[in-house]
Amino acid sequence: MKLGELTKIIFRISWRIAFLIYFLVVLIKHLTDPMYGSLLDPLNLGIHEVGHLLFSFAGMFLQVAGGTIFQIIAPIYGMYNFYARKEPFCIALCFGWLSTSLFDIATYAADARSMALPLVSPFGFGGNITHDWNFLLSRVGLINYDWLVARCFRSGAFVSMLICFILGAVIIRRIAVGMQAEES
């Protein structure tokens, strides 16, 4: 293999590897510190708050749940969009994004009984801010199982991140092997 061919392969895969390394760091930090906030946290929070607004016409329960629903739907919509555009590595990145969102949701759900986390809302206007997960789990009679709900979200986050790594690695390998085959 010539130096130019190797340079071309490295160029095509290097940014992809950088994203996977970033998500590996994010995973390790989330697993060691449930309060960790990744670079995607502000985006996830903004999407969460927009979800409340979008579901505000569907009754109180769905309005409160709408933040979490929209926070999950956004990366899934990203996956759909990149699938339609035939960009499989971006789908892998959306699994990483979904993972960060699920880790954030898990932390919030785990706080349902203690309500120790500071709450943030652009719609609170200085008034009382509802703790989404305290409200939701109390309404369905599962408030004592906030830890289990959080564990389910954390498990989903872990699986989503694994999919990010596996899919991303497969795509990187295919790019490298495919380019070598083209050069032969």
C-alpha atoms as a PDB file:
ATOM      1  CA  MET A   1       0.000   0.000   0.000  1.00  0.00           C
ATOM      2  CA  LYS A   2       1.329   3.393  -0.982  1.00  0.00           C
ATOM      3  CA  LEU A   3       1.546   6.314   1.417  1.00  0.00           C
ATOM      4  CA  GLY A   4      -1.134   8.234  -0.485  1.00  0.00           C
ATOM      5  CA  GLU A   5      -3.547   5.299  -0.176  1.00  0.00           C
ATOM      6  CA  LEU A   6      -2.891   4.995   3.543  1.00  0.00           C
ATOM      7  CA  THR A   7      -3.395   8.738   3.994  1.00  0.00           C
ATOM      8  CA  LYS A   8      -6.740   8.512   2.213  1.00  0.00           C
ATOM      9  CA  ILE A   9      -7.885   5.668   4.510  1.00  0.00           C
ATOM     10  CA  ILE A  10      -6.733   7.509   7.631  1.00  0.00           C
ATOM     11  CA  PHE A  11      -8.538  10.665   6.498  1.00  0.00           C
ATOM     12  CA  ARG A  12     -11.814   8.785   5.930  1.00  0.00           C
ATOM     13  CA  ILE A  13     -11.781   6.997   9.289  1.00  0.00           C
ATOM     14  CA  SER A  14     -10.004   9.400  11.681  1.00  0.00           C
ATOM     15  CA  TRP A  15     -12.986  11.649  12.475  1.00  0.00           C
ATOM     16  CA  ARG A  16     -15.141   8.574  12.973  1.00  0.00           C
ATOM     17  CA  ILE A  17     -12.652   7.097  15.427  1.00  0.00           C
ATOM     18  CA  ALA A  18     -12.516  10.439  17.271  1.00  0.00           C
ATOM     19  CA  PHE A  19     -16.301  10.369  17.767  1.00  0.00           C
ATOM     20  CA  LEU A  20     -16.190   6.799  19.075  1.00  0.00           C
ATOM     21  CA  ILE A  21     -13.408   7.722  21.504  1.00  0.00           C
ATOM     22  CA  TYR A  22     -15.477  10.688  22.686  1.00  0.00           C
ATOM     23  CA  PHE A  23     -18.489   8.448  23.298  1.00  0.00           C
ATOM     24  CA  LEU A  24     -16.269   5.924  25.116  1.00  0.00           C
ATOM     25  CA  VAL A  25     -15.160   8.695  27.487  1.00  0.00           C
ATOM     26  CA  VAL A  26     -18.811   9.745  27.916  1.00  0.00           C
ATOM     27  CA  LEU A  27     -19.826   6.168  28.739  1.00  0.00           C
ATOM     28  CA  ILE A  28     -17.053   5.736  31.301  1.00  0.00           C
ATOM     29  CA  LYS A  29     -17.937   9.044  32.954  1.00  0.00           C
ATOM     30  CA  HIS A  30     -21.661   8.216  33.066  1.00  0.00           C
ATOM     31  CA  LEU A  31     -20.943   4.796  34.564  1.00  0.00           C
ATOM     32  CA  THR A  32     -18.699   6.257  37.255  1.00  0.00           C
ATOM     33  CA  ASP A  33     -20.679   9.438  37.984  1.00  0.00           C
ATOM     34  CA  PRO A  34     -24.483   9.546  37.537  1.00  0.00           C
ATOM     35  CA  MET A  35     -24.326  13.355  37.752  1.00  0.00           C
ATOM     36  CA  TYR A  36     -21.941  13.630  34.789  1.00  0.00           C
ATOM     37  CA  GLY A  37     -23.103  15.950  32.039  1.00  0.00           C
ATOM     38  CA  SER A  38     -21.762  15.453  28.532  1.00  0.00           C
ATOM     39  CA  LEU A  39     -21.434  18.108  25.848  1.00  0.00           C
ATOM     40  CA  LEU A  40     -24.846  16.963  24.602  1.00  0.00           C
ATOM     41  CA  ASP A  41     -26.609  17.808  27.888  1.00  0.00           C
ATOM     42  CA  PRO A  42     -27.640  21.351  26.890  1.00  0.00           C
ATOM     43  CA  LEU A  43     -29.095  19.986  23.647  1.00  0.00           C
ATOM     44  CA  ASN A  44     -30.921  17.213  25.525  1.00  0.00           C
ATOM     45  CA  LEU A  45     -32.295  19.714  28.055  1.00  0.00           C
ATOM     46  CA  GLY A  46     -33.491  22.057  25.324  1.00  0.00           C
ATOM     47  CA  ILE A  47     -35.216  19.222  23.482  1.00  0.00           C
ATOM     48  CA  HIS A  48     -36.743  18.037  26.773  1.00  0.00           C
ATOM     49  CA  GLU A  49     -38.228  21.466  27.462  1.00  0.00           C
ATOM     50  CA  VAL A  50     -39.562  21.802  23.909  1.00  0.00           C
ATOM     51  CA  GLY A  51     -41.262  18.436  24.430  1.00  0.00           C
ATOM     52  CA  HIS A  52     -43.218  19.873  27.362  1.00  0.00           C
ATOM     53  CA  LEU A  53     -44.366  22.718  25.145  1.00  0.00           C
ATOM     54  CA  LEU A  54     -45.330  20.442  22.242  1.00  0.00           C
ATOM     55  CA  PHE A  55     -47.358  18.168  24.520  1.00  0.00           C
ATOM     56  CA  SER A  56     -48.925  21.021  26.505  1.00  0.00           C
ATOM     57  CA  PHE A  57     -52.242  20.618  24.703  1.00  0.00           C
ATOM     58  CA  ALA A  58     -52.562  16.910  25.544  1.00  0.00           C
ATOM     59  CA  GLY A  59     -53.355  17.165  29.258  1.00  0.00           C
ATOM     60  CA  MET A  60     -51.137  17.464  32.313  1.00  0.00           C
ATOM     61  CA  PHE A  61     -49.808  13.879  32.344  1.00  0.00           C
ATOM     62  CA  LEU A  62     -48.687  13.941  28.700  1.00  0.00           C
ATOM     63  CA  GLN A  63     -47.374  17.476  29.038  1.00  0.00           C
ATOM     64  CA  VAL A  64     -45.112  16.352  31.867  1.00  0.00           C
ATOM     65  CA  ALA A  65     -44.168  13.116  30.072  1.00  0.00           C
ATOM     66  CA  GLY A  66     -43.684  15.036  26.825  1.00  0.00           C
ATOM     67  CA  GLY A  67     -40.253  16.264  27.854  1.00  0.00           C
ATOM     68  CA  THR A  68     -38.937  12.740  28.204  1.00  0.00           C
ATOM     69  CA  ILE A  69     -40.859  11.485  25.173  1.00  0.00           C
ATOM     70  CA  PHE A  70     -39.413  14.187  22.937  1.00  0.00           C
ATOM     71  CA  GLN A  71     -35.946  13.699  24.424  1.00  0.00           C
ATOM     72  CA  ILE A  72     -36.088  10.065  23.272  1.00  0.00           C
ATOM     73  CA  ILE A  73     -37.805  10.736  19.938  1.00  0.00           C
ATOM     74  CA  ALA A  74     -35.264  13.358  18.769  1.00  0.00           C
ATOM     75  CA  PRO A  75     -32.260  11.008  18.418  1.00  0.00           C
ATOM     76  CA  ILE A  76     -34.507   8.280  16.994  1.00  0.00           C
ATOM     77  CA  TYR A  77     -35.728  10.755  14.377  1.00  0.00           C
ATOM     78  CA  GLY A  78     -32.067  11.533  13.679  1.00  0.00           C
ATOM     79  CA  MET A  79     -31.485   7.821  13.049  1.00  0.00           C
ATOM     80  CA  TYR A  80     -34.426   7.727  10.644  1.00  0.00           C
ATOM     81  CA  ASN A  81     -33.182  10.828   8.847  1.00  0.00           C
ATOM     82  CA  PHE A  82     -29.671   9.446   8.420  1.00  0.00           C
ATOM     83  CA  TYR A  83     -31.046   6.072   7.332  1.00  0.00           C
ATOM     84  CA  ALA A  84     -33.023   7.835   4.582  1.00  0.00           C
ATOM     85  CA  ARG A  85     -29.848   9.682   3.554  1.00  0.00           C
ATOM     86  CA  LYS A  86     -27.813   6.443   3.625  1.00  0.00           C
ATOM     87  CA  GLU A  87     -25.354   7.702   6.236  1.00  0.00           C
ATOM     88  CA  PRO A  88     -24.876   4.681   8.516  1.00  0.00           C
ATOM     89  CA  PHE A  89     -22.097   6.134  10.655  1.00  0.00           C
ATOM     90  CA  CYS A  90     -24.331   9.050  11.587  1.00  0.00           C
ATOM     91  CA  ILE A  91     -26.900   6.480  12.719  1.00  0.00           C
ATOM     92  CA  ALA A  92     -24.232   5.072  15.047  1.00  0.00           C
ATOM     93  CA  LEU A  93     -23.630   8.579  16.403  1.00  0.00           C
ATOM     94  CA  CYS A  94     -27.364   8.975  17.016  1.00  0.00           C
ATOM     95  CA  PHE A  95     -27.235   5.832  19.162  1.00  0.00           C
ATOM     96  CA  GLY A  96     -24.509   7.570  21.190  1.00  0.00           C
ATOM     97  CA  TRP A  97     -26.705  10.665  21.451  1.00  0.00           C
ATOM     98  CA  LEU A  98     -29.681   8.547  22.517  1.00  0.00           C
ATOM     99  CA  SER A  99     -27.476   6.975  25.175  1.00  0.00           C
ATOM    100  CA  THR A 100     -26.572  10.361  26.674  1.00  0.00           C
ATOM    101  CA  SER A 101     -30.234  11.297  26.697  1.00  0.00           C
ATOM    102  CA  LEU A 102     -31.223   8.050  28.438  1.00  0.00           C
ATOM    103  CA  PHE A 103     -28.479   8.507  31.042  1.00  0.00           C
ATOM    104  CA  ASP A 104     -29.846  12.001  31.761  1.00  0.00           C
ATOM    105  CA  ILE A 105     -33.387  10.649  32.051  1.00  0.00           C
ATOM    106  CA  ALA A 106     -32.166   7.910  34.416  1.00  0.00           C
ATOM    107  CA  THR A 107     -30.589  10.473  36.739  1.00  0.00           C
ATOM    108  CA  TYR A 108     -33.792  12.529  36.755  1.00  0.00           C
ATOM    109  CA  ALA A 109     -36.013   9.468  37.337  1.00  0.00           C
ATOM    110  CA  ALA A 110     -33.800   8.245  40.198  1.00  0.00           C
ATOM    111  CA  ASP A 111     -34.394  11.598  41.913  1.00  0.00           C
ATOM    112  CA  ALA A 112     -38.208  11.237  41.900  1.00  0.00           C
ATOM    113  CA  ARG A 113     -38.605  10.589  45.636  1.00  0.00           C
ATOM    114  CA  SER A 114     -35.771  12.660  47.053  1.00  0.00           C
ATOM    115  CA  MET A 115     -36.221  15.580  44.635  1.00  0.00           C
ATOM    116  CA  ALA A 116     -32.707  16.760  45.462  1.00  0.00           C
ATOM    117  CA  LEU A 117     -31.710  17.817  41.945  1.00  0.00           C
ATOM    118  CA  PRO A 118     -32.030  21.490  41.068  1.00  0.00           C
ATOM    119  CA  LEU A 119     -34.841  21.861  38.542  1.00  0.00           C
ATOM    120  CA  VAL A 120     -34.476  24.013  35.456  1.00  0.00           C
ATOM    121  CA  SER A 121     -37.282  25.259  33.244  1.00  0.00           C
ATOM    122  CA  PRO A 122     -37.613  28.225  30.924  1.00  0.00           C
ATOM    123  CA  PHE A 123     -41.372  27.966  31.518  1.00  0.00           C
ATOM    124  CA  GLY A 124     -41.284  28.121  35.338  1.00  0.00           C
ATOM    125  CA  PHE A 125     -41.144  31.939  35.476  1.00  0.00           C
ATOM    126  CA  GLY A 126     -40.061  31.829  39.112  1.00  0.00           C
ATOM    127  CA  GLY A 127     -43.044  29.730  40.185  1.00  0.00           C
ATOM    128  CA  ASN A 128     -43.189  26.150  41.280  1.00  0.00           C
ATOM    129  CA  ILE A 129     -41.515  23.780  38.867  1.00  0.00           C
ATOM    130  CA  THR A 130     -42.931  20.269  38.686  1.00  0.00           C
ATOM    131  CA  HIS A 131     -40.460  17.427  39.091  1.00  0.00           C
ATOM    132  CA  ASP A 132     -41.461  15.358  36.059  1.00  0.00           C
ATOM    133  CA  TRP A 133     -40.607  11.966  37.451  1.00  0.00           C
ATOM    134  CA  ASN A 134     -42.068  12.607  40.901  1.00  0.00           C
ATOM    135  CA  PHE A 135     -45.324  13.621  39.227  1.00  0.00           C
ATOM    136  CA  LEU A 136     -45.376  10.760  36.696  1.00  0.00           C
ATOM    137  CA  LEU A 137     -44.395   7.963  39.062  1.00  0.00           C
ATOM    138  CA  SER A 138     -46.732   9.234  41.796  1.00  0.00           C
ATOM    139  CA  ARG A 139     -49.601   9.320  39.300  1.00  0.00           C
ATOM    140  CA  VAL A 140     -49.081   5.695  38.230  1.00  0.00           C
ATOM    141  CA  GLY A 141     -48.326   4.443  41.748  1.00  0.00           C
ATOM    142  CA  LEU A 142     -44.675   3.605  41.105  1.00  0.00           C
ATOM    143  CA  ILE A 143     -42.952   6.338  43.107  1.00  0.00           C
ATOM    144  CA  ASN A 144     -41.273   3.759  45.365  1.00  0.00           C
ATOM    145  CA  TYR A 145     -39.754   2.173  42.259  1.00  0.00           C
ATOM    146  CA  ASP A 146     -37.954   5.253  40.980  1.00  0.00           C
ATOM    147  CA  TRP A 147     -34.700   3.321  41.379  1.00  0.00           C
ATOM    148  CA  LEU A 148     -36.005   0.555  39.086  1.00  0.00           C
ATOM    149  CA  VAL A 149     -37.238   3.000  36.450  1.00  0.00           C
ATOM    150  CA  ALA A 150     -33.837   4.702  36.571  1.00  0.00           C
ATOM    151  CA  ARG A 151     -32.070   1.353  36.256  1.00  0.00           C
ATOM    152  CA  CYS A 152     -34.148   0.538  33.157  1.00  0.00           C
ATOM    153  CA  PHE A 153     -33.168   3.849  31.556  1.00  0.00           C
ATOM    154  CA  ARG A 154     -29.500   3.314  32.493  1.00  0.00           C
ATOM    155  CA  SER A 155     -29.602  -0.170  30.996  1.00  0.00           C
ATOM    156  CA  GLY A 156     -31.125   1.226  27.810  1.00  0.00           C
ATOM    157  CA  ALA A 157     -28.434   3.900  27.742  1.00  0.00           C
ATOM    158  CA  PHE A 158     -25.706   1.284  28.078  1.00  0.00           C
ATOM    159  CA  VAL A 159     -27.182  -0.872  25.298  1.00  0.00           C
ATOM    160  CA  SER A 160     -27.604   2.164  23.046  1.00  0.00           C
ATOM    161  CA  MET A 161     -23.955   3.113  23.564  1.00  0.00           C
ATOM    162  CA  LEU A 162     -22.847  -0.458  22.808  1.00  0.00           C
ATOM    163  CA  ILE A 163     -24.791  -0.292  19.542  1.00  0.00           C
ATOM    164  CA  CYS A 164     -23.022   3.001  18.795  1.00  0.00           C
ATOM    165  CA  PHE A 165     -19.626   1.342  19.290  1.00  0.00           C
ATOM    166  CA  ILE A 166     -20.398  -1.878  17.431  1.00  0.00           C
ATOM    167  CA  LEU A 167     -22.083  -0.212  14.458  1.00  0.00           C
ATOM    168  CA  GLY A 168     -19.411   2.482  14.332  1.00  0.00           C
ATOM    169  CA  ALA A 169     -16.564  -0.052  14.439  1.00  0.00           C
ATOM    170  CA  VAL A 170     -18.155  -2.209  11.730  1.00  0.00           C
ATOM    171  CA  ILE A 171     -18.541   0.829   9.469  1.00  0.00           C
ATOM    172  CA  ILE A 172     -14.959   1.973  10.079  1.00  0.00           C
ATOM    173  CA  ARG A 173     -13.679  -1.512   9.280  1.00  0.00           C
ATOM    174  CA  ARG A 174     -15.752  -1.662   6.087  1.00  0.00           C
ATOM    175  CA  ILE A 175     -14.390   1.692   4.987  1.00  0.00           C
ATOM    176  CA  ALA A 176     -10.793   0.612   5.624  1.00  0.00           C
ATOM    177  CA  VAL A 177     -11.174  -2.821   4.020  1.00  0.00           C
ATOM    178  CA  GLY A 178     -13.218  -1.442   1.129  1.00  0.00           C
ATOM    179  CA  MET A 179     -10.650   1.200   0.323  1.00  0.00           C
ATOM    180  CA  GLN A 180      -7.854  -1.378   0.435  1.00  0.00           C
ATOM    181  CA  ALA A 181      -9.825  -3.603  -1.951  1.00  0.00           C
ATOM    182  CA  GLU A 182     -10.404  -0.673  -4.330  1.00  0.00           C
ATOM    183  CA  GLU A 183      -6.691   0.071  -4.379  1.00  0.00           C
ATOM    184  CA  SER A 184      -5.718  -3.559  -5.200  1.00  0.00           C
END
